[in-house]
Amino acid sequence: MLLLLRMSANNNHLGIRYGAVLVALFLSVSAMAEQPATHDVTALFLSAGVSVEALRAVEVGGIVVLRGRVSDPGAAEQATAVAQTLGYARIANLIQIAGVPDDEKIARVAERKLAMQRGLDGTQIAVASNNGVVLLTGTVANEMQKDMAVHLVRNIDGVRAVQMAVKR
């Protein structure tokens, strides 16, 4: 700090710049030292038979953090039980429990959105949904219309994925 004061007395702007750089460097080094190490333990849970969509299990400072998505609350509870059998006493189960998608509603909303989009005039796109996975079939005039259709459908609540079987 004494160096910092001398520099600011000699050249105020230069001293402030150096001071800011030193403070930023000090804060970043101390922040890095305080972060606990993380270990990806997803493979342990998968090998133990946990069936969670997009499962991610990370150990941080003795706590195992579970993330993913299931439609059955029992599957989320099973992940917690597996963590306990693996020896983890502290578990943060952040697995999302998603309801079963309403495929009829998804298809209805998708058809409405596609019909209302002026950029898709002249296209013939049929919509089918199975467990939140939407299949688009039919014909379009160009690739941009394909991209537009996928973008519109992907943002509908309950849609997990969009598959495209549209031809030009």
Protein backbone atom coordinates (compact mmCIF):
# COMPACT_ATOMS: atom_id res chain seq x y z
CA MET A 1 0.00 0.00 0.00
CA LEU A 2 2.92 2.31 0.67
CA LEU A 3 4.05 1.82 -2.92
CA LEU A 4 0.55 2.67 -4.05
CA LEU A 5 0.54 5.94 -2.09
CA ARG A 6 3.93 7.00 -3.48
CA MET A 7 2.79 6.27 -7.02
CA SER A 8 -0.40 8.27 -6.59
CA ALA A 9 1.54 11.20 -5.16
CA ASN A 10 3.90 11.20 -8.16
CA ASN A 11 1.35 10.59 -10.86
CA ASN A 12 -2.23 10.50 -9.69
CA HIS A 13 -3.73 8.84 -12.80
CA LEU A 14 -1.00 6.24 -13.09
CA GLY A 15 -1.21 5.44 -9.37
CA ILE A 16 -4.95 4.95 -9.52
CA ARG A 17 -4.62 2.58 -12.47
CA TYR A 18 -1.90 0.52 -10.79
CA GLY A 19 -3.85 0.52 -7.55
CA ALA A 20 -6.98 -0.73 -9.27
CA VAL A 21 -5.02 -3.48 -11.02
CA LEU A 22 -3.39 -4.57 -7.76
CA VAL A 23 -6.70 -4.60 -5.89
CA ALA A 24 -8.36 -6.60 -8.67
CA LEU A 25 -5.48 -9.06 -8.72
CA PHE A 26 -5.61 -9.46 -4.94
CA LEU A 27 -9.38 -10.03 -4.95
CA SER A 28 -9.24 -12.58 -7.78
CA VAL A 29 -6.43 -14.56 -6.13
CA SER A 30 -8.20 -14.60 -2.75
CA ALA A 31 -11.51 -15.62 -4.39
CA MET A 32 -9.79 -18.50 -6.17
CA ALA A 33 -8.26 -19.70 -2.91
CA GLU A 34 -11.65 -19.77 -1.15
CA GLN A 35 -13.51 -21.90 -3.73
CA PRO A 36 -13.73 -25.58 -2.76
CA ALA A 37 -12.74 -28.18 -5.30
CA THR A 38 -15.54 -29.81 -7.30
CA HIS A 39 -15.57 -33.42 -8.45
CA ASP A 40 -17.92 -34.82 -11.08
CA VAL A 41 -19.38 -38.03 -9.67
CA THR A 42 -22.12 -38.53 -12.27
CA ALA A 43 -20.63 -41.84 -13.43
CA LEU A 44 -21.02 -43.29 -9.92
CA PHE A 45 -24.74 -42.56 -9.95
CA LEU A 46 -25.26 -43.85 -13.48
CA SER A 47 -23.46 -47.10 -12.67
CA ALA A 48 -25.66 -47.46 -9.57
CA GLY A 49 -28.75 -47.43 -11.80
CA VAL A 50 -30.04 -43.89 -11.28
CA SER A 51 -32.26 -43.01 -14.24
CA VAL A 52 -32.56 -39.24 -14.38
CA GLU A 53 -32.68 -37.28 -17.63
CA ALA A 54 -29.60 -35.03 -18.04
CA LEU A 55 -28.21 -36.23 -14.69
CA ARG A 56 -25.32 -34.22 -13.28
CA ALA A 57 -23.85 -35.13 -9.88
CA VAL A 58 -21.07 -32.97 -8.46
CA GLU A 59 -19.33 -33.16 -5.08
CA VAL A 60 -18.48 -29.76 -3.61
CA GLY A 61 -16.83 -29.62 -0.21
CA GLY A 62 -18.38 -32.88 1.01
CA ILE A 63 -21.84 -32.07 -0.34
CA VAL A 64 -23.16 -33.91 -3.38
CA VAL A 65 -25.32 -31.75 -5.65
CA LEU A 66 -27.75 -33.62 -7.90
CA ARG A 67 -29.31 -31.99 -10.96
CA GLY A 68 -31.47 -33.34 -13.74
CA ARG A 69 -35.10 -33.87 -14.67
CA VAL A 70 -37.62 -36.65 -14.03
CA SER A 71 -41.36 -37.08 -14.40
CA ASP A 72 -41.58 -39.49 -11.45
CA PRO A 73 -40.82 -38.14 -7.94
CA GLY A 74 -39.71 -41.66 -6.95
CA ALA A 75 -36.75 -41.43 -9.34
CA ALA A 76 -35.56 -38.26 -7.59
CA GLU A 77 -35.88 -39.98 -4.20
CA GLN A 78 -33.94 -42.97 -5.57
CA ALA A 79 -31.06 -40.63 -6.46
CA THR A 80 -30.98 -39.39 -2.86
CA ALA A 81 -30.98 -42.98 -1.55
CA VAL A 82 -28.10 -43.89 -3.87
CA ALA A 83 -26.14 -40.87 -2.63
CA GLN A 84 -26.59 -42.09 0.94
CA THR A 85 -25.44 -45.60 0.05
CA LEU A 86 -22.37 -44.08 -1.61
CA GLY A 87 -21.50 -42.50 1.75
CA TYR A 88 -22.69 -38.94 1.26
CA ALA A 89 -24.33 -37.49 4.37
CA ARG A 90 -24.99 -34.04 2.91
CA ILE A 91 -27.08 -34.09 -0.28
CA ALA A 92 -28.57 -31.23 -2.27
CA ASN A 93 -31.17 -32.85 -4.50
CA LEU A 94 -32.03 -30.22 -7.12
CA ILE A 95 -33.58 -32.68 -9.56
CA GLN A 96 -36.59 -31.08 -11.24
CA ILE A 97 -39.80 -33.05 -11.23
CA ALA A 98 -41.54 -32.27 -14.49
CA GLY A 99 -45.09 -33.32 -15.11
CA VAL A 100 -46.01 -35.56 -17.99
CA PRO A 101 -46.36 -33.35 -21.08
CA ASP A 102 -49.85 -32.84 -22.51
CA ASP A 103 -49.13 -33.92 -26.10
CA GLU A 104 -52.54 -32.83 -27.43
CA LYS A 105 -52.10 -29.34 -26.00
CA ILE A 106 -48.54 -29.10 -27.33
CA ALA A 107 -49.68 -30.12 -30.84
CA ARG A 108 -52.61 -27.65 -30.75
CA VAL A 109 -50.40 -24.74 -29.63
CA ALA A 110 -47.72 -25.64 -32.19
CA GLU A 111 -50.23 -25.79 -35.05
CA ARG A 112 -51.66 -22.42 -34.01
CA LYS A 113 -48.23 -20.76 -33.77
CA LEU A 114 -47.12 -22.15 -37.13
CA ALA A 115 -50.38 -21.05 -38.82
CA MET A 116 -50.09 -17.51 -37.41
CA GLN A 117 -46.50 -16.98 -38.58
CA ARG A 118 -46.53 -15.06 -41.88
CA GLY A 119 -43.07 -16.27 -42.77
CA LEU A 120 -44.49 -19.79 -43.03
CA ASP A 121 -47.24 -18.95 -45.54
CA GLY A 122 -47.35 -21.54 -48.30
CA THR A 123 -45.81 -24.29 -46.20
CA GLN A 124 -47.49 -27.56 -45.30
CA ILE A 125 -46.29 -28.62 -41.87
CA ALA A 126 -47.97 -31.30 -39.78
CA VAL A 127 -47.33 -31.55 -36.03
CA ALA A 128 -47.22 -34.66 -33.84
CA SER A 129 -46.12 -34.82 -30.20
CA ASN A 130 -45.13 -37.87 -28.18
CA ASN A 131 -44.09 -37.36 -24.54
CA GLY A 132 -43.03 -33.79 -25.29
CA VAL A 133 -40.97 -34.69 -28.37
CA VAL A 134 -42.50 -32.85 -31.34
CA LEU A 135 -42.17 -34.21 -34.87
CA LEU A 136 -42.64 -31.74 -37.73
CA THR A 137 -43.36 -33.24 -41.16
CA GLY A 138 -44.34 -31.72 -44.49
CA THR A 139 -42.85 -29.31 -47.03
CA VAL A 140 -41.35 -25.82 -46.96
CA ALA A 141 -39.97 -23.50 -49.62
CA ASN A 142 -36.56 -22.85 -48.01
CA GLU A 143 -34.25 -23.62 -45.09
CA MET A 144 -35.16 -20.41 -43.28
CA GLN A 145 -38.73 -21.66 -42.93
CA LYS A 146 -37.45 -24.88 -41.37
CA ASP A 147 -35.43 -22.91 -38.84
CA MET A 148 -38.38 -20.63 -38.10
CA ALA A 149 -40.71 -23.59 -37.49
CA VAL A 150 -38.24 -25.27 -35.13
CA HIS A 151 -37.68 -22.03 -33.21
CA LEU A 152 -41.43 -21.44 -32.77
CA VAL A 153 -42.13 -24.97 -31.56
CA ARG A 154 -39.06 -25.28 -29.32
CA ASN A 155 -40.30 -22.42 -27.12
CA ILE A 156 -43.67 -24.02 -26.29
CA ASP A 157 -44.17 -25.13 -22.67
CA GLY A 158 -43.76 -28.89 -22.30
CA VAL A 159 -41.66 -29.37 -25.44
CA ARG A 160 -38.56 -31.41 -24.63
CA ALA A 161 -37.19 -31.76 -28.17
CA VAL A 162 -38.10 -31.02 -31.79
CA GLN A 163 -37.46 -33.49 -34.60
CA MET A 164 -37.63 -32.31 -38.18
CA ALA A 165 -38.74 -34.40 -41.15
CA VAL A 166 -39.68 -31.45 -43.36
CA LYS A 167 -38.63 -31.47 -47.02
CA ARG A 168 -38.04 -28.69 -49.53
